[in-house]
C-alpha cells in the first residue's frame, strides 16, 4: 500500500520553471503569504493537483494565523 504513495510526485514537480506561479513562488515565500494572496492564486489556477496544493497551503496558513502565528 505504501508503494504508490512513495512513488507519487509533489504537485510542484510538474510546474514549469518559467510559469507565472513558479516565478511568484521564487519571489514570495508561499508559507508566509497572506491568505488573500493565496486565494487569488487559487482562482487563477486550473482545477487539478496544483490547485489542491494551493488549497492545502491556504488551510495551513489559516491554521497558523488562527493559532497565533503570523
Protein backbone atom coordinates (compact mmCIF):
# COMPACT_ATOMS: atom_id res chain seq x y z
CA UNK A 1 0.00 0.00 0.00
CA UNK A 2 2.82 2.45 0.74
CA UNK A 3 4.44 1.84 -2.64
CA UNK A 4 2.03 4.05 -4.66
CA UNK A 5 2.32 6.78 -2.01
CA UNK A 6 6.10 6.74 -2.16
CA UNK A 7 6.08 6.94 -5.96
CA UNK A 8 3.71 9.90 -6.06
CA UNK A 9 5.32 13.17 -7.06
CA UNK A 10 4.74 16.55 -5.49
CA UNK A 11 2.33 18.80 -7.44
CA UNK A 12 5.02 21.47 -7.78
CA UNK A 13 7.34 18.98 -9.50
CA UNK A 14 5.33 19.32 -12.73
CA UNK A 15 5.23 23.12 -12.57
CA UNK A 16 7.20 24.63 -15.49
CA UNK A 17 10.04 26.79 -14.19
CA UNK A 18 9.03 29.69 -16.44
CA UNK A 19 5.37 29.70 -15.39
CA UNK A 20 3.84 32.65 -13.57
CA UNK A 21 3.22 30.58 -10.45
CA UNK A 22 6.81 29.32 -10.34
CA UNK A 23 8.05 32.90 -10.62
CA UNK A 24 5.70 34.00 -7.84
CA UNK A 25 6.96 31.21 -5.59
CA UNK A 26 10.52 32.24 -6.45
CA UNK A 27 9.88 35.80 -5.28
CA UNK A 28 7.45 35.20 -2.40
CA UNK A 29 7.55 32.60 0.36
CA UNK A 30 4.30 30.64 -0.04
CA UNK A 31 4.32 29.71 3.64
CA UNK A 32 4.26 33.38 4.62
CA UNK A 33 1.78 34.66 2.03
CA UNK A 34 -1.38 36.37 3.19
CA UNK A 35 -4.47 34.16 2.74
CA UNK A 36 -5.94 36.70 0.30
CA UNK A 37 -2.88 36.31 -1.94
CA UNK A 38 -3.22 32.52 -1.93
CA UNK A 39 -6.92 32.84 -2.80
CA UNK A 40 -6.00 34.95 -5.85
CA UNK A 41 -3.55 32.24 -6.93
CA UNK A 42 -6.23 29.56 -6.44
CA UNK A 43 -8.66 31.48 -8.64
CA UNK A 44 -6.01 31.79 -11.37
CA UNK A 45 -5.12 28.07 -11.32
CA UNK A 46 -6.90 25.39 -13.32
CA UNK A 47 -8.60 22.60 -11.31
CA UNK A 48 -6.22 19.75 -10.55
CA UNK A 49 -3.46 18.67 -8.19
CA UNK A 50 -1.75 22.06 -8.19
CA UNK A 51 -4.96 23.82 -7.20
CA UNK A 52 -5.44 21.23 -4.47
CA UNK A 53 -1.93 22.00 -3.22
CA UNK A 54 -2.84 25.70 -3.05
CA UNK A 55 -5.99 24.91 -1.06
CA UNK A 56 -3.84 22.89 1.36
CA UNK A 57 -1.41 25.79 1.59
CA UNK A 58 -4.32 28.13 2.34
CA UNK A 59 -5.56 25.80 5.09
CA UNK A 60 -2.06 25.67 6.60
CA UNK A 61 -1.73 29.47 6.55
CA UNK A 62 -5.15 29.97 8.14
CA UNK A 63 -4.38 27.43 10.87
CA UNK A 64 -1.08 29.17 11.56
CA UNK A 65 -2.73 32.59 11.75
CA UNK A 66 -5.62 31.42 13.92
CA UNK A 67 -3.26 29.72 16.34
CA UNK A 68 -1.38 32.93 16.94
CA UNK A 69 1.32 32.72 14.31
CA UNK A 70 1.90 35.29 11.64
